[in-house]
Amino acid sequence: MINIFSIFGVEIRILDILDILIAAYLIYFIYKYVKGTAAVNIFIGIILFLLLLTAVTELKMRLLTLMLGSIAGIGLIGLIVIFQPEIRRVLLVIGNRTLYGRFNFFDKYFSLKGIKSSTYIEELCSNIITAIEYMSDSKTGALLIISKTDIPSLINTGQMIDANLNTTLLQTIFYKNSPLHDGAVIIQDDRIVAATCVLPISSSIQIPKELGLRHRAALGAVENHEVLSIVVSEQNGSLSYGFENRLFHGVTMDEMRIRLEKFYNE
């Protein structure tokens, strides 16, 4: 391999640069999915520990290298236990974006965009927004999960409905005396698939304390699946949505409509 330049007498190869870039990307990728959780401090500590181990190894400090190397070997099992939720989340994301995503490529990109017109998508979004606006005004608590692909791990936790999406049905489901109002409603493309679904609860430390389990469930859903979650607060009717591992709280109805239309058009 050709050396392209040297630093302090050390020859740097193209593979060395590629090695550094890949390692940096992996560190960033893992940090992205533990950010906002209690595990982020442990992750930073691990990075500092590895840098220290590398330094003492390069400086040929044998006793420290032996001690730190032994700690690293024993600590690996402990880290698997500590980071179990985060490891599961990362593997789910990798799976959704590789094999599972490839199998659902045509459904994802052509089910609504190729067959359905932009007018149809606008009408679809209007039905959801109208229901959300009504529930916000009446301070009716609601939790919606919107997906463009099948998510059986969430759907199977609830009551199957499989009905055309419409405003009245959504309002009826979340009516406080309805037996279906508890839990989340799963919307796949243009159908209400299931209600009373149980969602994973996020352990993020960035969620404000005044927000309850409904908001944590909304964030937990987007941490584990490529979906859009929408929350209507029953305390004050405020709107929130979760997308790509983040929860956006106190959004306006116009912001919600823009996010929803963008989600269906992506």
Protein backbone atom coordinates (compact mmCIF):
# COMPACT_ATOMS: atom_id res chain seq x y z
CA MET A 1 0.00 0.00 0.00
CA ILE A 2 1.35 3.43 -0.99
CA ASN A 3 2.24 5.83 1.82
CA ILE A 4 0.72 9.26 1.10
CA PHE A 5 2.44 11.27 3.86
CA SER A 6 4.16 10.92 7.22
CA ILE A 7 3.68 12.48 10.68
CA PHE A 8 6.60 12.51 13.12
CA GLY A 9 8.26 9.82 11.06
CA VAL A 10 5.19 7.57 10.98
CA GLU A 11 4.07 6.69 7.48
CA ILE A 12 0.34 7.18 6.88
CA ARG A 13 -1.37 4.95 4.33
CA ILE A 14 -4.72 5.34 2.60
CA LEU A 15 -5.96 2.34 4.62
CA ASP A 16 -5.00 4.14 7.83
CA ILE A 17 -7.20 7.10 6.89
CA LEU A 18 -10.03 4.78 5.92
CA ASP A 19 -9.62 2.93 9.23
CA ILE A 20 -9.91 6.19 11.19
CA LEU A 21 -12.97 7.35 9.24
CA ILE A 22 -14.80 4.04 9.72
CA ALA A 23 -13.98 3.97 13.44
CA ALA A 24 -15.16 7.59 13.84
CA TYR A 25 -18.41 6.80 12.03
CA LEU A 26 -19.06 3.74 14.23
CA ILE A 27 -18.47 5.80 17.37
CA TYR A 28 -20.85 8.50 16.11
CA PHE A 29 -23.46 5.90 15.08
CA ILE A 30 -23.47 4.29 18.54
CA TYR A 31 -23.44 7.66 20.32
CA LYS A 32 -26.46 8.78 18.28
CA TYR A 33 -28.55 5.92 19.66
CA VAL A 34 -27.48 6.22 23.30
CA LYS A 35 -27.64 10.03 23.36
CA GLY A 36 -30.23 11.24 25.81
CA THR A 37 -30.11 8.08 27.94
CA ALA A 38 -28.26 7.32 31.16
CA ALA A 39 -25.96 5.05 29.15
CA VAL A 40 -24.35 7.99 27.34
CA ASN A 41 -22.04 8.70 30.32
CA ILE A 42 -20.93 5.07 30.38
CA PHE A 43 -20.32 5.22 26.61
CA ILE A 44 -18.09 8.29 27.00
CA GLY A 45 -16.23 6.56 29.82
CA ILE A 46 -15.60 3.53 27.58
CA ILE A 47 -14.16 5.75 24.83
CA LEU A 48 -11.80 7.42 27.31
CA PHE A 49 -10.81 4.02 28.71
CA LEU A 50 -9.99 2.69 25.23
CA LEU A 51 -7.94 5.79 24.43
CA LEU A 52 -5.99 5.31 27.66
CA LEU A 53 -5.45 1.60 26.90
CA THR A 54 -4.20 2.47 23.41
CA ALA A 55 -1.83 5.10 24.81
CA VAL A 56 -0.24 2.86 27.45
CA THR A 57 0.07 0.04 24.90
CA GLU A 58 1.88 2.29 22.39
CA LEU A 59 4.15 3.64 25.15
CA LYS A 60 4.97 0.03 26.13
CA MET A 61 3.89 0.55 29.76
CA ARG A 62 3.60 -3.16 30.44
CA LEU A 63 2.06 -3.17 33.91
CA LEU A 64 -0.69 -0.67 33.02
CA THR A 65 -1.30 -2.46 29.73
CA LEU A 66 -1.76 -5.76 31.57
CA MET A 67 -4.08 -4.22 34.20
CA LEU A 68 -6.23 -2.28 31.75
CA GLY A 69 -6.32 -5.20 29.31
CA SER A 70 -7.60 -7.51 32.06
CA ILE A 71 -10.27 -5.00 33.05
CA ALA A 72 -11.36 -4.68 29.40
CA GLY A 73 -11.73 -8.45 29.05
CA ILE A 74 -13.78 -8.86 32.23
CA GLY A 75 -15.83 -5.72 31.63
CA LEU A 76 -17.04 -6.84 28.19
CA ILE A 77 -19.66 -9.16 29.68
CA GLY A 78 -20.81 -6.46 32.09
CA LEU A 79 -21.16 -3.96 29.23
CA ILE A 80 -23.39 -6.35 27.28
CA VAL A 81 -25.72 -6.47 30.28
CA ILE A 82 -25.63 -2.72 30.90
CA PHE A 83 -26.14 -1.77 27.27
CA GLN A 84 -28.72 -4.48 26.50
CA PRO A 85 -31.54 -2.01 25.62
CA GLU A 86 -29.20 0.15 23.52
CA ILE A 87 -27.68 -2.87 21.73
CA ARG A 88 -31.18 -4.12 20.93
CA ARG A 89 -32.16 -0.67 19.61
CA VAL A 90 -29.10 -0.42 17.36
CA LEU A 91 -29.63 -3.94 15.97
CA LEU A 92 -33.29 -3.13 15.26
CA VAL A 93 -32.28 0.01 13.38
CA ILE A 94 -29.64 -1.87 11.38
CA GLY A 95 -32.16 -4.60 10.56
CA ASN A 96 -34.85 -2.12 9.50
CA ARG A 97 -32.43 -0.27 7.24
CA THR A 98 -30.85 -3.30 5.60
CA LEU A 99 -32.62 -6.60 4.96
CA TYR A 100 -36.07 -5.61 6.19
CA GLY A 101 -35.86 -2.29 4.39
CA ARG A 102 -34.88 -3.99 1.12
CA PHE A 103 -37.80 -6.41 1.30
CA ASN A 104 -40.16 -3.47 1.81
CA PHE A 105 -38.55 -1.20 -0.78
CA PHE A 106 -41.42 -1.24 -3.28
CA ASP A 107 -44.10 -0.97 -0.60
CA LYS A 108 -42.32 1.96 0.98
CA TYR A 109 -41.63 3.96 -2.16
CA PHE A 110 -44.49 3.06 -4.45
CA SER A 111 -47.53 2.20 -2.30
CA LEU A 112 -48.47 5.84 -1.82
CA LYS A 113 -46.13 7.80 -4.07
CA GLY A 114 -46.40 5.78 -7.23
CA ILE A 115 -50.01 4.62 -7.14
CA LYS A 116 -51.61 7.37 -5.06
CA SER A 117 -51.58 10.99 -6.19
CA SER A 118 -50.35 13.94 -4.16
CA THR A 119 -53.98 14.98 -3.79
CA TYR A 120 -54.77 11.64 -2.15
CA ILE A 121 -51.88 12.09 0.31
CA GLU A 122 -53.14 15.59 1.17
CA GLU A 123 -56.62 14.20 1.80
CA LEU A 124 -55.16 11.40 3.92
CA CYS A 125 -53.20 13.87 6.02
CA SER A 126 -56.24 16.15 6.34
CA ASN A 127 -58.27 13.30 7.86
CA ILE A 128 -55.60 12.75 10.50
CA ILE A 129 -55.10 16.47 11.19
CA THR A 130 -58.85 17.08 11.52
CA ALA A 131 -59.11 14.31 14.11
CA ILE A 132 -56.05 15.60 15.98
CA GLU A 133 -57.40 19.15 15.98
CA TYR A 134 -60.73 18.01 17.42
CA MET A 135 -59.02 15.96 20.14
CA SER A 136 -56.69 18.84 20.95
CA ASP A 137 -59.61 21.27 21.35
CA SER A 138 -61.53 18.80 23.52
CA LYS A 139 -58.39 17.78 25.46
CA THR A 140 -58.83 14.15 24.52
CA GLY A 141 -55.63 12.18 25.09
CA ALA A 142 -54.44 10.32 22.02
CA LEU A 143 -51.41 8.42 20.74
CA LEU A 144 -51.04 7.60 17.04
CA ILE A 145 -48.28 5.59 15.38
CA ILE A 146 -48.05 6.11 11.62
CA SER A 147 -46.05 3.69 9.50
CA LYS A 148 -45.52 2.94 5.83
CA THR A 149 -44.47 -0.66 6.47
CA ASP A 150 -45.83 -3.55 8.49
CA ILE A 151 -44.83 -3.53 12.19
CA PRO A 152 -46.26 -6.77 13.65
CA SER A 153 -44.32 -6.43 16.91
CA LEU A 154 -46.54 -3.44 17.77
CA ILE A 155 -49.73 -4.43 15.96
CA ASN A 156 -49.94 -7.83 17.69
CA THR A 157 -50.06 -6.18 21.12
CA GLY A 158 -53.43 -4.55 20.41
CA GLN A 159 -56.90 -5.11 19.03
CA MET A 160 -57.09 -5.60 15.26
CA ILE A 161 -59.36 -3.15 13.41
CA ASP A 162 -58.21 -3.02 9.77
CA ALA A 163 -60.52 -0.23 8.62
CA ASN A 164 -60.23 2.66 6.19
CA LEU A 165 -58.74 5.73 7.79
CA ASN A 166 -61.33 8.39 8.58
CA THR A 167 -61.71 11.23 11.04
CA THR A 168 -64.84 9.97 12.78
CA LEU A 169 -63.36 6.55 13.53
CA LEU A 170 -60.23 8.07 15.07
CA GLN A 171 -62.32 10.38 17.26
CA THR A 172 -64.51 7.46 18.34
CA ILE A 173 -61.55 5.26 19.26
CA PHE A 174 -60.04 7.89 21.56
CA TYR A 175 -63.35 8.94 23.16
CA LYS A 176 -62.69 8.65 26.90
CA ASN A 177 -65.48 6.11 27.48
CA SER A 178 -64.47 3.94 24.54
CA PRO A 179 -62.95 0.54 25.48
CA LEU A 180 -60.32 1.15 22.77
CA HIS A 181 -59.08 4.57 23.93
CA ASP A 182 -56.20 3.23 26.05
CA GLY A 183 -52.93 2.59 24.25
CA ALA A 184 -51.85 3.52 20.74
CA VAL A 185 -53.57 3.37 17.37
CA ILE A 186 -51.44 2.00 14.53
CA ILE A 187 -52.02 3.59 11.12
CA GLN A 188 -50.36 1.89 8.16
CA ASP A 189 -50.58 3.92 4.94
CA ASP A 190 -54.31 4.66 4.58
CA ARG A 191 -55.72 2.13 7.07
CA ILE A 192 -56.28 2.01 10.80
CA VAL A 193 -54.74 -1.38 11.52
CA ALA A 194 -55.04 -1.76 15.31
CA ALA A 195 -55.89 0.02 18.56
CA THR A 196 -54.95 -0.34 22.27
CA CYS A 197 -51.40 -1.24 21.19
CA VAL A 198 -48.64 -1.38 23.79
CA LEU A 199 -45.46 0.54 22.92
CA PRO A 200 -41.92 0.36 24.31
CA ILE A 201 -41.24 3.07 26.90
CA SER A 202 -38.25 5.32 26.29
CA SER A 203 -35.68 5.71 29.04
CA SER A 204 -34.40 9.02 27.65
CA ILE A 205 -33.41 11.58 30.28
CA GLN A 206 -34.14 14.45 27.89
CA ILE A 207 -37.93 14.16 28.18
CA PRO A 208 -39.30 16.95 30.43
CA LYS A 209 -40.57 15.65 33.77
CA GLU A 210 -44.02 17.13 33.24
CA LEU A 211 -44.62 14.77 30.29
CA GLY A 212 -46.09 11.37 31.10
CA LEU A 213 -45.99 7.79 29.84
CA ARG A 214 -47.88 8.62 26.65
CA HIS A 215 -45.01 10.86 25.52
CA ARG A 216 -42.38 8.33 26.62
CA ALA A 217 -44.19 5.66 24.63
CA ALA A 218 -44.27 7.96 21.59
CA LEU A 219 -40.51 8.40 21.82
CA GLY A 220 -39.96 4.70 22.51
CA ALA A 221 -41.79 3.82 19.29
CA VAL A 222 -39.57 6.00 17.10
CA GLU A 223 -36.44 4.79 18.87
CA ASN A 224 -37.25 1.22 17.87
CA HIS A 225 -39.09 1.62 14.55
CA GLU A 226 -39.09 3.87 11.49
CA VAL A 227 -42.43 5.48 12.27
CA LEU A 228 -43.98 8.84 13.08
CA SER A 229 -45.72 9.10 16.46
CA ILE A 230 -48.26 11.80 17.38
CA VAL A 231 -49.41 12.66 20.90
CA VAL A 232 -52.33 14.78 22.08
CA SER A 233 -52.10 15.70 25.76
CA GLU A 234 -55.22 15.17 27.83
CA GLN A 235 -54.06 17.78 30.36
CA ASN A 236 -53.89 20.80 28.07
CA GLY A 237 -54.47 19.54 24.52
CA SER A 238 -50.88 20.29 23.47
CA LEU A 239 -49.41 18.48 20.47
CA SER A 240 -46.17 16.55 20.23
CA TYR A 241 -44.65 14.23 17.68
CA GLY A 242 -41.78 11.76 17.70
CA PHE A 243 -39.52 11.16 14.73
CA GLU A 244 -36.00 9.78 14.26
CA ASN A 245 -35.23 9.30 17.97
CA ARG A 246 -36.45 12.78 18.95
CA LEU A 247 -39.61 14.10 20.59
CA PHE A 248 -40.86 17.51 19.47
CA HIS A 249 -43.14 18.96 22.13
CA GLY A 250 -45.58 21.87 21.91
CA VAL A 251 -45.79 22.02 18.12
CA THR A 252 -48.48 23.94 16.24
CA MET A 253 -51.12 22.36 14.04
CA ASP A 254 -49.38 23.75 10.94
CA GLU A 255 -46.07 22.20 12.01
CA MET A 256 -47.83 18.89 12.59
CA ARG A 257 -49.40 18.99 9.12
CA ILE A 258 -46.05 19.78 7.47
CA ARG A 259 -44.31 16.92 9.31
CA LEU A 260 -47.11 14.49 8.45
CA GLU A 261 -47.17 15.36 4.74
CA LYS A 262 -43.40 15.20 4.56
CA PHE A 263 -43.45 11.76 6.21
CA TYR A 264 -45.88 10.37 3.65
CA ASN A 265 -43.95 11.93 0.75
CA GLU A 266 -40.49 10.73 1.84
